[in-house]
Amino acid sequence: KTTEDQALEAALDAGADDLTRDGDVFLITTPVNRLHAVHDQLTAKRIPVQSAEAAMIPKNTVKVQGGDAKRLLQLIEALEEMDDVARVFSNFDIDAEALAAVTG
């Protein structure tokens, strides 16, 4: 089993920007132009890669609450249901309590 230190060292050596732990997996962020190189180097070092994909990760988030949160979630859902839309990315932040109240 790969330790966090082993994964971090291998990821940084491969050119990744950061590594965070999410339960039993590590989330490695890297510039999109380094994605395949980082993946290949991790695999070469026998570090298992569950998935490797490009994603839009916001540098800043916007806190949303109450009615705004409800309308925003409805908009996101409507966009995701459109046939022409492959993926929806956002930069909003809704805390768990507000999310429970909205989706209740």
PDB file of N, CA and C in Angstrom:
ATOM      1  N   LYS A   1       0.847  -1.182   0.000  1.00  0.00           N
ATOM      2  CA  LYS A   1       0.000   0.000   0.000  1.00  0.00           C
ATOM      3  C   LYS A   1       0.892   1.244   0.000  1.00  0.00           C
ATOM      4  N   THR A   2       0.539   2.195  -0.821  1.00  0.00           N
ATOM      5  CA  THR A   2       1.323   3.419  -0.958  1.00  0.00           C
ATOM      6  C   THR A   2       1.039   4.369   0.197  1.00  0.00           C
ATOM      7  N   THR A   3       2.102   4.873   0.818  1.00  0.00           N
ATOM      8  CA  THR A   3       1.925   5.843   1.896  1.00  0.00           C
ATOM      9  C   THR A   3       1.767   7.241   1.297  1.00  0.00           C
ATOM     10  N   GLU A   4       1.285   8.164   2.110  1.00  0.00           N
ATOM     11  CA  GLU A   4       1.105   9.533   1.640  1.00  0.00           C
ATOM     12  C   GLU A   4       2.447  10.153   1.258  1.00  0.00           C
ATOM     13  N   ASP A   5       3.487   9.869   2.035  1.00  0.00           N
ATOM     14  CA  ASP A   5       4.816  10.408   1.721  1.00  0.00           C
ATOM     15  C   ASP A   5       5.336   9.872   0.390  1.00  0.00           C
ATOM     16  N   GLN A   6       5.142   8.568   0.145  1.00  0.00           N
ATOM     17  CA  GLN A   6       5.585   7.977  -1.123  1.00  0.00           C
ATOM     18  C   GLN A   6       4.837   8.600  -2.302  1.00  0.00           C
ATOM     19  N   ALA A   7       3.534   8.736  -2.147  1.00  0.00           N
ATOM     20  CA  ALA A   7       2.724   9.307  -3.223  1.00  0.00           C
ATOM     21  C   ALA A   7       3.103  10.760  -3.468  1.00  0.00           C
ATOM     22  N   LEU A   8       3.303  11.532  -2.389  1.00  0.00           N
ATOM     23  CA  LEU A   8       3.671  12.943  -2.532  1.00  0.00           C
ATOM     24  C   LEU A   8       5.020  13.088  -3.228  1.00  0.00           C
ATOM     25  N   GLU A   9       5.989  12.312  -2.809  1.00  0.00           N
ATOM     26  CA  GLU A   9       7.322  12.385  -3.420  1.00  0.00           C
ATOM     27  C   GLU A   9       7.261  12.038  -4.906  1.00  0.00           C
ATOM     28  N   ALA A  10       6.560  10.961  -5.234  1.00  0.00           N
ATOM     29  CA  ALA A  10       6.459  10.547  -6.632  1.00  0.00           C
ATOM     30  C   ALA A  10       5.708  11.589  -7.458  1.00  0.00           C
ATOM     31  N   ALA A  11       4.641  12.142  -6.902  1.00  0.00           N
ATOM     32  CA  ALA A  11       3.849  13.135  -7.628  1.00  0.00           C
ATOM     33  C   ALA A  11       4.656  14.402  -7.881  1.00  0.00           C
ATOM     34  N   LEU A  12       5.339  14.894  -6.854  1.00  0.00           N
ATOM     35  CA  LEU A  12       6.134  16.114  -7.017  1.00  0.00           C
ATOM     36  C   LEU A  12       7.299  15.895  -7.974  1.00  0.00           C
ATOM     37  N   ASP A  13       7.937  14.721  -7.893  1.00  0.00           N
ATOM     38  CA  ASP A  13       9.020  14.391  -8.826  1.00  0.00           C
ATOM     39  C   ASP A  13       8.514  14.365 -10.271  1.00  0.00           C
ATOM     40  N   ALA A  14       7.250  13.979 -10.434  1.00  0.00           N
ATOM     41  CA  ALA A  14       6.664  13.883 -11.767  1.00  0.00           C
ATOM     42  C   ALA A  14       6.188  15.236 -12.294  1.00  0.00           C
ATOM     43  N   GLY A  15       6.175  16.255 -11.434  1.00  0.00           N
ATOM     44  CA  GLY A  15       5.764  17.586 -11.880  1.00  0.00           C
ATOM     45  C   GLY A  15       4.397  18.022 -11.412  1.00  0.00           C
ATOM     46  N   ALA A  16       3.805  17.297 -10.466  1.00  0.00           N
ATOM     47  CA  ALA A  16       2.495  17.671  -9.940  1.00  0.00           C
ATOM     48  C   ALA A  16       2.616  18.897  -9.039  1.00  0.00           C
ATOM     49  N   ASP A  17       1.500  19.587  -8.842  1.00  0.00           N
ATOM     50  CA  ASP A  17       1.467  20.776  -7.988  1.00  0.00           C
ATOM     51  C   ASP A  17       1.182  20.448  -6.532  1.00  0.00           C
ATOM     52  N   ASP A  18       0.285  19.487  -6.299  1.00  0.00           N
ATOM     53  CA  ASP A  18      -0.172  19.244  -4.931  1.00  0.00           C
ATOM     54  C   ASP A  18      -0.770  17.855  -4.810  1.00  0.00           C
ATOM     55  N   LEU A  19      -0.876  17.401  -3.564  1.00  0.00           N
ATOM     56  CA  LEU A  19      -1.494  16.116  -3.263  1.00  0.00           C
ATOM     57  C   LEU A  19      -2.304  16.293  -1.989  1.00  0.00           C
ATOM     58  N   THR A  20      -3.542  15.837  -2.010  1.00  0.00           N
ATOM     59  CA  THR A  20      -4.379  15.835  -0.810  1.00  0.00           C
ATOM     60  C   THR A  20      -4.965  14.446  -0.641  1.00  0.00           C
ATOM     61  N   ARG A  21      -5.252  14.096   0.585  1.00  0.00           N
ATOM     62  CA  ARG A  21      -5.821  12.781   0.880  1.00  0.00           C
ATOM     63  C   ARG A  21      -7.333  12.910   0.988  1.00  0.00           C
ATOM     64  N   ASP A  22      -8.041  11.969   0.390  1.00  0.00           N
ATOM     65  CA  ASP A  22      -9.501  11.908   0.475  1.00  0.00           C
ATOM     66  C   ASP A  22      -9.869  10.478   0.829  1.00  0.00           C
ATOM     67  N   GLY A  23      -9.909  10.191   2.122  1.00  0.00           N
ATOM     68  CA  GLY A  23     -10.166   8.822   2.569  1.00  0.00           C
ATOM     69  C   GLY A  23      -8.986   7.934   2.247  1.00  0.00           C
ATOM     70  N   ASP A  24      -9.219   6.903   1.447  1.00  0.00           N
ATOM     71  CA  ASP A  24      -8.163   5.959   1.083  1.00  0.00           C
ATOM     72  C   ASP A  24      -7.442   6.326  -0.215  1.00  0.00           C
ATOM     73  N   VAL A  25      -7.847   7.412  -0.848  1.00  0.00           N
ATOM     74  CA  VAL A  25      -7.228   7.797  -2.117  1.00  0.00           C
ATOM     75  C   VAL A  25      -6.551   9.160  -1.995  1.00  0.00           C
ATOM     76  N   PHE A  26      -5.667   9.435  -2.932  1.00  0.00           N
ATOM     77  CA  PHE A  26      -4.976  10.714  -2.984  1.00  0.00           C
ATOM     78  C   PHE A  26      -5.460  11.472  -4.214  1.00  0.00           C
ATOM     79  N   LEU A  27      -5.706  12.744  -4.053  1.00  0.00           N
ATOM     80  CA  LEU A  27      -6.073  13.605  -5.167  1.00  0.00           C
ATOM     81  C   LEU A  27      -4.837  14.419  -5.525  1.00  0.00           C
ATOM     82  N   ILE A  28      -4.345  14.209  -6.719  1.00  0.00           N
ATOM     83  CA  ILE A  28      -3.135  14.891  -7.177  1.00  0.00           C
ATOM     84  C   ILE A  28      -3.539  15.934  -8.205  1.00  0.00           C
ATOM     85  N   THR A  29      -3.116  17.178  -7.978  1.00  0.00           N
ATOM     86  CA  THR A  29      -3.401  18.236  -8.949  1.00  0.00           C
ATOM     87  C   THR A  29      -2.118  18.578  -9.695  1.00  0.00           C
ATOM     88  N   THR A  30      -2.304  18.804 -10.983  1.00  0.00           N
ATOM     89  CA  THR A  30      -1.174  19.088 -11.858  1.00  0.00           C
ATOM     90  C   THR A  30      -1.657  19.948 -13.019  1.00  0.00           C
ATOM     91  N   PRO A  31      -0.793  20.733 -13.608  1.00  0.00           N
ATOM     92  CA  PRO A  31      -1.215  21.463 -14.809  1.00  0.00           C
ATOM     93  C   PRO A  31      -1.665  20.465 -15.878  1.00  0.00           C
ATOM     94  N   VAL A  32      -2.650  20.855 -16.659  1.00  0.00           N
ATOM     95  CA  VAL A  32      -3.214  19.933 -17.642  1.00  0.00           C
ATOM     96  C   VAL A  32      -2.153  19.422 -18.618  1.00  0.00           C
ATOM     97  N   ASN A  33      -1.157  20.238 -18.933  1.00  0.00           N
ATOM     98  CA  ASN A  33      -0.126  19.789 -19.876  1.00  0.00           C
ATOM     99  C   ASN A  33       0.828  18.763 -19.259  1.00  0.00           C
ATOM    100  N   ARG A  34       0.739  18.512 -17.954  1.00  0.00           N
ATOM    101  CA  ARG A  34       1.579  17.514 -17.280  1.00  0.00           C
ATOM    102  C   ARG A  34       0.772  16.271 -16.896  1.00  0.00           C
ATOM    103  N   LEU A  35      -0.523  16.262 -17.175  1.00  0.00           N
ATOM    104  CA  LEU A  35      -1.401  15.180 -16.730  1.00  0.00           C
ATOM    105  C   LEU A  35      -0.881  13.802 -17.126  1.00  0.00           C
ATOM    106  N   HIS A  36      -0.605  13.601 -18.391  1.00  0.00           N
ATOM    107  CA  HIS A  36      -0.175  12.275 -18.847  1.00  0.00           C
ATOM    108  C   HIS A  36       1.220  11.922 -18.347  1.00  0.00           C
ATOM    109  N   ALA A  37       2.102  12.894 -18.268  1.00  0.00           N
ATOM    110  CA  ALA A  37       3.455  12.632 -17.764  1.00  0.00           C
ATOM    111  C   ALA A  37       3.408  12.215 -16.297  1.00  0.00           C
ATOM    112  N   VAL A  38       2.597  12.905 -15.506  1.00  0.00           N
ATOM    113  CA  VAL A  38       2.465  12.547 -14.089  1.00  0.00           C
ATOM    114  C   VAL A  38       1.858  11.158 -13.964  1.00  0.00           C
ATOM    115  N   HIS A  39       0.816  10.888 -14.739  1.00  0.00           N
ATOM    116  CA  HIS A  39       0.185   9.562 -14.716  1.00  0.00           C
ATOM    117  C   HIS A  39       1.195   8.474 -15.069  1.00  0.00           C
ATOM    118  N   ASP A  40       1.944   8.683 -16.134  1.00  0.00           N
ATOM    119  CA  ASP A  40       2.917   7.681 -16.578  1.00  0.00           C
ATOM    120  C   ASP A  40       4.009   7.448 -15.536  1.00  0.00           C
ATOM    121  N   GLN A  41       4.488   8.515 -14.907  1.00  0.00           N
ATOM    122  CA  GLN A  41       5.551   8.358 -13.910  1.00  0.00           C
ATOM    123  C   GLN A  41       5.044   7.672 -12.642  1.00  0.00           C
ATOM    124  N   LEU A  42       3.815   7.969 -12.237  1.00  0.00           N
ATOM    125  CA  LEU A  42       3.246   7.281 -11.069  1.00  0.00           C
ATOM    126  C   LEU A  42       3.079   5.792 -11.363  1.00  0.00           C
ATOM    127  N   THR A  43       2.581   5.490 -12.547  1.00  0.00           N
ATOM    128  CA  THR A  43       2.403   4.094 -12.943  1.00  0.00           C
ATOM    129  C   THR A  43       3.747   3.376 -13.012  1.00  0.00           C
ATOM    130  N   ALA A  44       4.764   4.043 -13.536  1.00  0.00           N
ATOM    131  CA  ALA A  44       6.101   3.449 -13.625  1.00  0.00           C
ATOM    132  C   ALA A  44       6.665   3.142 -12.241  1.00  0.00           C
ATOM    133  N   LYS A  45       6.283   3.931 -11.250  1.00  0.00           N
ATOM    134  CA  LYS A  45       6.748   3.697  -9.874  1.00  0.00           C
ATOM    135  C   LYS A  45       5.803   2.768  -9.107  1.00  0.00           C
ATOM    136  N   ARG A  46       4.914   2.123  -9.851  1.00  0.00           N
ATOM    137  CA  ARG A  46       3.964   1.143  -9.308  1.00  0.00           C
ATOM    138  C   ARG A  46       3.026   1.748  -8.260  1.00  0.00           C
ATOM    139  N   ILE A  47       2.689   3.003  -8.464  1.00  0.00           N
ATOM    140  CA  ILE A  47       1.682   3.646  -7.623  1.00  0.00           C
ATOM    141  C   ILE A  47       0.371   3.559  -8.394  1.00  0.00           C
ATOM    142  N   PRO A  48      -0.615   2.842  -7.847  1.00  0.00           N
ATOM    143  CA  PRO A  48      -1.863   2.638  -8.583  1.00  0.00           C
ATOM    144  C   PRO A  48      -2.608   3.955  -8.827  1.00  0.00           C
ATOM    145  N   VAL A  49      -3.097   4.117 -10.046  1.00  0.00           N
ATOM    146  CA  VAL A  49      -3.858   5.308 -10.421  1.00  0.00           C
ATOM    147  C   VAL A  49      -5.287   4.871 -10.705  1.00  0.00           C
ATOM    148  N   GLN A  50      -6.215   5.378  -9.898  1.00  0.00           N
ATOM    149  CA  GLN A  50      -7.622   5.007 -10.052  1.00  0.00           C
ATOM    150  C   GLN A  50      -8.239   5.690 -11.269  1.00  0.00           C
ATOM    151  N   SER A  51      -7.919   6.966 -11.457  1.00  0.00           N
ATOM    152  CA  SER A  51      -8.375   7.686 -12.643  1.00  0.00           C
ATOM    153  C   SER A  51      -7.478   8.897 -12.859  1.00  0.00           C
ATOM    154  N   ALA A  52      -7.438   9.355 -14.090  1.00  0.00           N
ATOM    155  CA  ALA A  52      -6.666  10.549 -14.445  1.00  0.00           C
ATOM    156  C   ALA A  52      -7.505  11.340 -15.433  1.00  0.00           C
ATOM    157  N   GLU A  53      -7.951  12.509 -15.017  1.00  0.00           N
ATOM    158  CA  GLU A  53      -8.814  13.304 -15.880  1.00  0.00           C
ATOM    159  C   GLU A  53      -8.604  14.790 -15.637  1.00  0.00           C
ATOM    160  N   ALA A  54      -8.883  15.563 -16.661  1.00  0.00           N
ATOM    161  CA  ALA A  54      -8.795  17.016 -16.538  1.00  0.00           C
ATOM    162  C   ALA A  54     -10.056  17.527 -15.854  1.00  0.00           C
ATOM    163  N   ALA A  55      -9.877  18.460 -14.945  1.00  0.00           N
ATOM    164  CA  ALA A  55     -11.008  19.066 -14.242  1.00  0.00           C
ATOM    165  C   ALA A  55     -10.706  20.536 -14.007  1.00  0.00           C
ATOM    166  N   MET A  56     -11.745  21.318 -13.914  1.00  0.00           N
ATOM    167  CA  MET A  56     -11.616  22.743 -13.617  1.00  0.00           C
ATOM    168  C   MET A  56     -11.739  22.908 -12.106  1.00  0.00           C
ATOM    169  N   ILE A  57     -10.660  23.293 -11.456  1.00  0.00           N
ATOM    170  CA  ILE A  57     -10.656  23.465 -10.003  1.00  0.00           C
ATOM    171  C   ILE A  57     -10.531  24.957  -9.717  1.00  0.00           C
ATOM    172  N   PRO A  58     -11.521  25.535  -9.027  1.00  0.00           N
ATOM    173  CA  PRO A  58     -11.483  26.984  -8.798  1.00  0.00           C
ATOM    174  C   PRO A  58     -10.382  27.397  -7.831  1.00  0.00           C
ATOM    175  N   LYS A  59      -9.798  28.551  -8.091  1.00  0.00           N
ATOM    176  CA  LYS A  59      -8.823  29.115  -7.159  1.00  0.00           C
ATOM    177  C   LYS A  59      -9.536  29.856  -6.041  1.00  0.00           C
ATOM    178  N   ASN A  60     -10.709  30.389  -6.338  1.00  0.00           N
ATOM    179  CA  ASN A  60     -11.520  31.102  -5.356  1.00  0.00           C
ATOM    180  C   ASN A  60     -12.937  30.551  -5.407  1.00  0.00           C
ATOM    181  N   THR A  61     -13.590  30.492  -4.256  1.00  0.00           N
ATOM    182  CA  THR A  61     -14.974  30.034  -4.208  1.00  0.00           C
ATOM    183  C   THR A  61     -15.868  31.157  -3.691  1.00  0.00           C
ATOM    184  N   VAL A  62     -17.156  31.016  -3.970  1.00  0.00           N
ATOM    185  CA  VAL A  62     -18.151  31.983  -3.536  1.00  0.00           C
ATOM    186  C   VAL A  62     -19.125  31.259  -2.615  1.00  0.00           C
ATOM    187  N   LYS A  63     -19.272  31.762  -1.396  1.00  0.00           N
ATOM    188  CA  LYS A  63     -20.188  31.148  -0.440  1.00  0.00           C
ATOM    189  C   LYS A  63     -21.620  31.510  -0.827  1.00  0.00           C
ATOM    190  N   VAL A  64     -22.479  30.500  -0.901  1.00  0.00           N
ATOM    191  CA  VAL A  64     -23.869  30.686  -1.301  1.00  0.00           C
ATOM    192  C   VAL A  64     -24.763  30.105  -0.215  1.00  0.00           C
ATOM    193  N   GLN A  65     -25.842  30.834   0.109  1.00  0.00           N
ATOM    194  CA  GLN A  65     -26.745  30.397   1.174  1.00  0.00           C
ATOM    195  C   GLN A  65     -28.198  30.618   0.764  1.00  0.00           C
ATOM    196  N   GLY A  66     -29.096  30.000   1.527  1.00  0.00           N
ATOM    197  CA  GLY A  66     -30.531  30.246   1.417  1.00  0.00           C
ATOM    198  C   GLY A  66     -31.100  30.085   0.027  1.00  0.00           C
ATOM    199  N   GLY A  67     -31.917  31.090  -0.356  1.00  0.00           N
ATOM    200  CA  GLY A  67     -32.592  31.057  -1.650  1.00  0.00           C
ATOM    201  C   GLY A  67     -31.626  31.050  -2.814  1.00  0.00           C
ATOM    202  N   ASP A  68     -30.506  31.746  -2.661  1.00  0.00           N
ATOM    203  CA  ASP A  68     -29.497  31.739  -3.727  1.00  0.00           C
ATOM    204  C   ASP A  68     -28.953  30.335  -3.949  1.00  0.00           C
ATOM    205  N   ALA A  69     -28.723  29.609  -2.857  1.00  0.00           N
ATOM    206  CA  ALA A  69     -28.215  28.239  -2.964  1.00  0.00           C
ATOM    207  C   ALA A  69     -29.223  27.354  -3.680  1.00  0.00           C
ATOM    208  N   LYS A  70     -30.486  27.503  -3.329  1.00  0.00           N
ATOM    209  CA  LYS A  70     -31.526  26.685  -3.959  1.00  0.00           C
ATOM    210  C   LYS A  70     -31.602  26.974  -5.457  1.00  0.00           C
ATOM    211  N   ARG A  71     -31.603  28.253  -5.834  1.00  0.00           N
ATOM    212  CA  ARG A  71     -31.666  28.615  -7.259  1.00  0.00           C
ATOM    213  C   ARG A  71     -30.418  28.144  -8.008  1.00  0.00           C
ATOM    214  N   LEU A  72     -29.279  28.257  -7.369  1.00  0.00           N
ATOM    215  CA  LEU A  72     -28.036  27.826  -8.006  1.00  0.00           C
ATOM    216  C   LEU A  72     -28.041  26.320  -8.252  1.00  0.00           C
ATOM    217  N   LEU A  73     -28.469  25.555  -7.272  1.00  0.00           N
ATOM    218  CA  LEU A  73     -28.527  24.099  -7.444  1.00  0.00           C
ATOM    219  C   LEU A  73     -29.527  23.713  -8.531  1.00  0.00           C
ATOM    220  N   GLN A  74     -30.629  24.444  -8.632  1.00  0.00           N
ATOM    221  CA  GLN A  74     -31.600  24.182  -9.698  1.00  0.00           C
ATOM    222  C   GLN A  74     -30.984  24.477 -11.067  1.00  0.00           C
ATOM    223  N   LEU A  75     -30.222  25.567 -11.149  1.00  0.00           N
ATOM    224  CA  LEU A  75     -29.552  25.912 -12.405  1.00  0.00           C
ATOM    225  C   LEU A  75     -28.534  24.842 -12.792  1.00  0.00           C
ATOM    226  N   ILE A  76     -27.721  24.424 -11.838  1.00  0.00           N
ATOM    227  CA  ILE A  76     -26.716  23.381 -12.109  1.00  0.00           C
ATOM    228  C   ILE A  76     -27.402  22.104 -12.587  1.00  0.00           C
ATOM    229  N   GLU A  77     -28.483  21.724 -11.916  1.00  0.00           N
ATOM    230  CA  GLU A  77     -29.214  20.514 -12.306  1.00  0.00           C
ATOM    231  C   GLU A  77     -29.775  20.651 -13.721  1.00  0.00           C
ATOM    232  N   ALA A  78     -30.336  21.813 -14.039  1.00  0.00           N
ATOM    233  CA  ALA A  78     -30.887  22.037 -15.379  1.00  0.00           C
ATOM    234  C   ALA A  78     -29.790  21.959 -16.437  1.00  0.00           C
ATOM    235  N   LEU A  79     -28.639  22.538 -16.153  1.00  0.00           N
ATOM    236  CA  LEU A  79     -27.523  22.478 -17.102  1.00  0.00           C
ATOM    237  C   LEU A  79     -27.044  21.044 -17.303  1.00  0.00           C
ATOM    238  N   GLU A  80     -26.939  20.286 -16.216  1.00  0.00           N
ATOM    239  CA  GLU A  80     -26.458  18.900 -16.307  1.00  0.00           C
ATOM    240  C   GLU A  80     -27.407  18.017 -17.107  1.00  0.00           C
ATOM    241  N   GLU A  81     -28.690  18.354 -17.115  1.00  0.00           N
ATOM    242  CA  GLU A  81     -29.676  17.544 -17.837  1.00  0.00           C
ATOM    243  C   GLU A  81     -29.712  17.835 -19.331  1.00  0.00           C
ATOM    244  N   MET A  82     -29.070  18.914 -19.766  1.00  0.00           N
ATOM    245  CA  MET A  82     -29.069  19.260 -21.186  1.00  0.00           C
ATOM    246  C   MET A  82     -28.214  18.263 -21.970  1.00  0.00           C
ATOM    247  N   ASP A  83     -28.718  17.838 -23.107  1.00  0.00           N
ATOM    248  CA  ASP A  83     -28.014  16.860 -23.936  1.00  0.00           C
ATOM    249  C   ASP A  83     -26.672  17.375 -24.447  1.00  0.00           C
ATOM    250  N   ASP A  84     -26.581  18.662 -24.708  1.00  0.00           N
ATOM    251  CA  ASP A  84     -25.359  19.240 -25.274  1.00  0.00           C
ATOM    252  C   ASP A  84     -24.284  19.532 -24.230  1.00  0.00           C
ATOM    253  N   VAL A  85     -24.587  19.346 -22.964  1.00  0.00           N
ATOM    254  CA  VAL A  85     -23.643  19.671 -21.889  1.00  0.00           C
ATOM    255  C   VAL A  85     -22.978  18.393 -21.401  1.00  0.00           C
ATOM    256  N   ALA A  86     -21.645  18.339 -21.501  1.00  0.00           N
ATOM    257  CA  ALA A  86     -20.906  17.151 -21.066  1.00  0.00           C
ATOM    258  C   ALA A  86     -20.615  17.195 -19.568  1.00  0.00           C
ATOM    259  N   ARG A  87     -20.132  18.342 -19.075  1.00  0.00           N
ATOM    260  CA  ARG A  87     -19.798  18.487 -17.656  1.00  0.00           C
ATOM    261  C   ARG A  87     -20.067  19.917 -17.228  1.00  0.00           C
ATOM    262  N   VAL A  88     -20.381  20.076 -15.960  1.00  0.00           N
ATOM    263  CA  VAL A  88     -20.613  21.409 -15.403  1.00  0.00           C
ATOM    264  C   VAL A  88     -19.625  21.619 -14.267  1.00  0.00           C
ATOM    265  N   PHE A  89     -18.891  22.722 -14.325  1.00  0.00           N
ATOM    266  CA  PHE A  89     -17.956  23.081 -13.264  1.00  0.00           C
ATOM    267  C   PHE A  89     -18.463  24.351 -12.604  1.00  0.00           C
ATOM    268  N   SER A  90     -18.164  24.513 -11.325  1.00  0.00           N
ATOM    269  CA  SER A  90     -18.622  25.708 -10.617  1.00  0.00           C
ATOM    270  C   SER A  90     -17.615  26.087  -9.542  1.00  0.00           C
ATOM    271  N   ASN A  91     -17.814  27.249  -8.969  1.00  0.00           N
ATOM    272  CA  ASN A  91     -16.921  27.700  -7.906  1.00  0.00           C
ATOM    273  C   ASN A  91     -17.702  28.099  -6.653  1.00  0.00           C
ATOM    274  N   PHE A  92     -18.901  27.535  -6.470  1.00  0.00           N
ATOM    275  CA  PHE A  92     -19.681  27.887  -5.291  1.00  0.00           C
ATOM    276  C   PHE A  92     -19.335  26.984  -4.115  1.00  0.00           C
ATOM    277  N   ASP A  93     -19.608  27.496  -2.930  1.00  0.00           N
ATOM    278  CA  ASP A  93     -19.358  26.761  -1.690  1.00  0.00           C
ATOM    279  C   ASP A  93     -20.621  26.828  -0.846  1.00  0.00           C
ATOM    280  N   ILE A  94     -21.229  25.688  -0.622  1.00  0.00           N
ATOM    281  CA  ILE A  94     -22.411  25.601   0.232  1.00  0.00           C
ATOM    282  C   ILE A  94     -22.052  24.688   1.389  1.00  0.00           C
ATOM    283  N   ASP A  95     -22.151  25.191   2.629  1.00  0.00           N
ATOM    284  CA  ASP A  95     -21.806  24.338   3.764  1.00  0.00           C
ATOM    285  C   ASP A  95     -22.865  23.245   3.921  1.00  0.00           C
ATOM    286  N   ALA A  96     -22.506  22.182   4.610  1.00  0.00           N
ATOM    287  CA  ALA A  96     -23.357  20.991   4.725  1.00  0.00           C
ATOM    288  C   ALA A  96     -24.724  21.316   5.311  1.00  0.00           C
ATOM    289  N   GLU A  97     -24.754  22.201   6.288  1.00  0.00           N
ATOM    290  CA  GLU A  97     -26.020  22.560   6.934  1.00  0.00           C
ATOM    291  C   GLU A  97     -26.957  23.267   5.955  1.00  0.00           C
ATOM    292  N   ALA A  98     -26.423  24.209   5.206  1.00  0.00           N
ATOM    293  CA  ALA A  98     -27.230  24.930   4.218  1.00  0.00           C
ATOM    294  C   ALA A  98     -27.668  23.995   3.098  1.00  0.00           C
ATOM    295  N   LEU A  99     -26.796  23.086   2.688  1.00  0.00           N
ATOM    296  CA  LEU A  99     -27.137  22.128   1.641  1.00  0.00           C
ATOM    297  C   LEU A  99     -28.277  21.227   2.087  1.00  0.00           C
ATOM    298  N   ALA A 100     -28.221  20.761   3.333  1.00  0.00           N
ATOM    299  CA  ALA A 100     -29.291  19.916   3.869  1.00  0.00           C
ATOM    300  C   ALA A 100     -30.612  20.679   3.909  1.00  0.00           C
ATOM    301  N   ALA A 101     -30.566  21.948   4.266  1.00  0.00           N
ATOM    302  CA  ALA A 101     -31.783  22.757   4.327  1.00  0.00           C
ATOM    303  C   ALA A 101     -32.382  22.960   2.938  1.00  0.00           C
ATOM    304  N   VAL A 102     -31.527  23.116   1.940  1.00  0.00           N
ATOM    305  CA  VAL A 102     -31.985  23.366   0.577  1.00  0.00           C
ATOM    306  C   VAL A 102     -32.505  22.094  -0.077  1.00  0.00           C
ATOM    307  N   THR A 103     -31.802  20.979   0.123  1.00  0.00           N
ATOM    308  CA  THR A 103     -32.182  19.726  -0.536  1.00  0.00           C
ATOM    309  C   THR A 103     -33.160  18.909   0.294  1.00  0.00           C
ATOM    310  N   GLY A 104     -33.290  19.266   1.579  1.00  0.00           N
ATOM    311  CA  GLY A 104     -34.131  18.670   2.588  1.00  0.00           C
ATOM    312  C   GLY A 104     -35.100  17.695   2.169  1.00  0.00           C
TER     313      GLY A 104
END
